């Protein structure tokens, strides 16, 4: 599938470490900051600036089941903050995945048959 370490020091490419699905850092993501793990690097995303990583859709991402793993640190737990989203716009009503912060909760929502499941 894909693995994004997000440990770039500069540039606008979010490299896929195991495949060929590089993404793009958009809207001023700050790179090369100290990460949560010792001697690691991490980007800083700001919700108000709408900065994010965009990865183009690929047929290999069209799965009926999968495991998603990631770590994050939120400076504040308030309002809505998107963490991960896969939107299959134009592909019917199934296949969307969203993981986000809503106030003080982490919410995961997967839509596989036209009905969302949280």
Protein backbone atom coordinates (compact mmCIF):
# COMPACT_ATOMS: atom_id res chain seq x y z
CA UNK A 1 0.00 0.00 0.00
CA UNK A 2 1.75 3.15 1.26
CA UNK A 3 3.85 4.37 4.18
CA UNK A 4 4.41 8.06 4.90
CA UNK A 5 7.07 8.82 7.53
CA UNK A 6 6.52 12.58 7.02
CA UNK A 7 10.11 13.19 8.11
CA UNK A 8 11.08 15.49 5.24
CA UNK A 9 13.24 18.49 6.13
CA UNK A 10 12.17 20.63 3.17
CA UNK A 11 10.35 20.59 -0.15
CA UNK A 12 6.76 19.86 -1.04
CA UNK A 13 6.82 16.06 -1.56
CA UNK A 14 5.53 13.67 1.13
CA UNK A 15 7.45 10.55 0.12
CA UNK A 16 5.86 7.10 0.13
CA UNK A 17 8.58 4.94 1.73
CA UNK A 18 7.34 1.60 0.34
CA UNK A 19 5.53 2.38 -2.91
CA UNK A 20 4.98 4.91 -5.62
CA UNK A 21 2.22 7.03 -4.12
CA UNK A 22 4.06 10.22 -3.13
CA UNK A 23 1.87 13.00 -1.83
CA UNK A 24 2.17 16.78 -1.77
CA UNK A 25 2.43 19.07 1.26
CA UNK A 26 -0.06 21.90 0.69
CA UNK A 27 -0.69 25.35 2.19
CA UNK A 28 2.52 25.93 4.12
CA UNK A 29 3.11 22.78 6.19
CA UNK A 30 6.16 23.40 8.43
CA UNK A 31 8.69 20.60 7.97
CA UNK A 32 11.68 19.28 9.91
CA UNK A 33 10.39 19.91 13.44
CA UNK A 34 11.22 17.57 16.35
CA UNK A 35 8.94 14.51 16.34
CA UNK A 36 7.35 12.56 19.18
CA UNK A 37 9.95 9.77 18.95
CA UNK A 38 13.52 10.55 19.97
CA UNK A 39 15.64 11.84 17.05
CA UNK A 40 12.65 11.88 14.69
CA UNK A 41 11.25 14.67 12.56
CA UNK A 42 7.62 15.63 12.09
CA UNK A 43 5.62 18.24 10.17
CA UNK A 44 3.35 20.78 11.83
CA UNK A 45 -0.14 21.18 10.45
CA UNK A 46 -2.35 24.13 11.34
CA UNK A 47 -6.11 23.67 10.93
CA UNK A 48 -6.68 27.40 10.43
CA UNK A 49 -4.30 27.38 7.46
CA UNK A 50 -5.89 24.25 5.97
CA UNK A 51 -2.47 22.74 5.42
CA UNK A 52 -2.40 19.05 4.65
CA UNK A 53 -0.91 16.26 2.54
CA UNK A 54 -2.74 15.33 -0.64
CA UNK A 55 -2.24 11.87 -2.16
CA UNK A 56 -3.82 11.07 -5.51
CA UNK A 57 -6.30 8.21 -5.58
CA UNK A 58 -5.08 4.89 -6.94
CA UNK A 59 -6.90 1.62 -7.62
CA UNK A 60 -4.74 -0.08 -4.97
CA UNK A 61 -6.41 2.13 -2.34
CA UNK A 62 -9.86 0.70 -3.11
CA UNK A 63 -10.23 -1.84 -0.30
CA UNK A 64 -13.13 -3.42 1.54
CA UNK A 65 -11.01 -3.62 4.70
CA UNK A 66 -7.65 -2.31 5.87
CA UNK A 67 -5.57 -1.38 8.88
CA UNK A 68 -4.65 2.27 9.36
CA UNK A 69 -2.00 3.30 11.87
CA UNK A 70 -0.64 6.73 12.73
CA UNK A 71 0.43 8.88 15.66
CA UNK A 72 -0.34 12.53 16.28
CA UNK A 73 -0.09 15.17 18.96
CA UNK A 74 -2.82 17.80 19.18
CA UNK A 75 -1.94 21.15 20.73
CA UNK A 76 -5.63 21.61 21.54
CA UNK A 77 -8.68 19.32 21.60
CA UNK A 78 -11.42 21.67 20.51
CA UNK A 79 -13.77 21.97 17.57
CA UNK A 80 -13.23 19.84 14.47
CA UNK A 81 -9.74 18.83 13.33
CA UNK A 82 -9.27 16.41 10.43
CA UNK A 83 -6.57 13.78 10.87
CA UNK A 84 -7.02 11.48 7.89
CA UNK A 85 -9.51 11.36 5.08
CA UNK A 86 -10.08 9.22 2.01
CA UNK A 87 -12.88 10.59 -0.13
CA UNK A 88 -13.92 8.55 -3.13
CA UNK A 89 -15.87 11.36 -4.78
CA UNK A 90 -17.57 10.26 -7.96
CA UNK A 91 -17.39 6.57 -7.01
CA UNK A 92 -20.92 6.21 -5.62
CA UNK A 93 -21.68 6.41 -1.94
CA UNK A 94 -19.20 3.89 -0.54
CA UNK A 95 -15.49 3.86 0.25
CA UNK A 96 -15.03 7.05 2.26
CA UNK A 97 -12.86 6.96 5.39
CA UNK A 98 -12.54 9.84 7.85
CA UNK A 99 -10.62 10.04 11.12
CA UNK A 100 -10.93 13.32 12.98
CA UNK A 101 -11.02 15.06 16.35
CA UNK A 102 -14.45 16.31 17.41
CA UNK A 103 -14.15 18.31 20.61
CA UNK A 104 -12.45 15.83 23.02
CA UNK A 105 -12.99 12.60 21.03
CA UNK A 106 -11.23 10.80 18.19
CA UNK A 107 -13.87 9.69 15.66
CA UNK A 108 -13.36 7.15 12.88
CA UNK A 109 -16.03 6.88 10.18
CA UNK A 110 -16.03 4.33 7.34
CA UNK A 111 -18.70 4.26 4.66
CA UNK A 112 -18.73 0.90 2.89
CA UNK A 113 -22.31 0.36 1.68
CA UNK A 114 -23.78 3.82 1.35
CA UNK A 115 -24.34 4.12 5.10
CA UNK A 116 -21.75 5.61 7.42
CA UNK A 117 -20.47 3.74 10.47
CA UNK A 118 -18.76 5.65 13.31
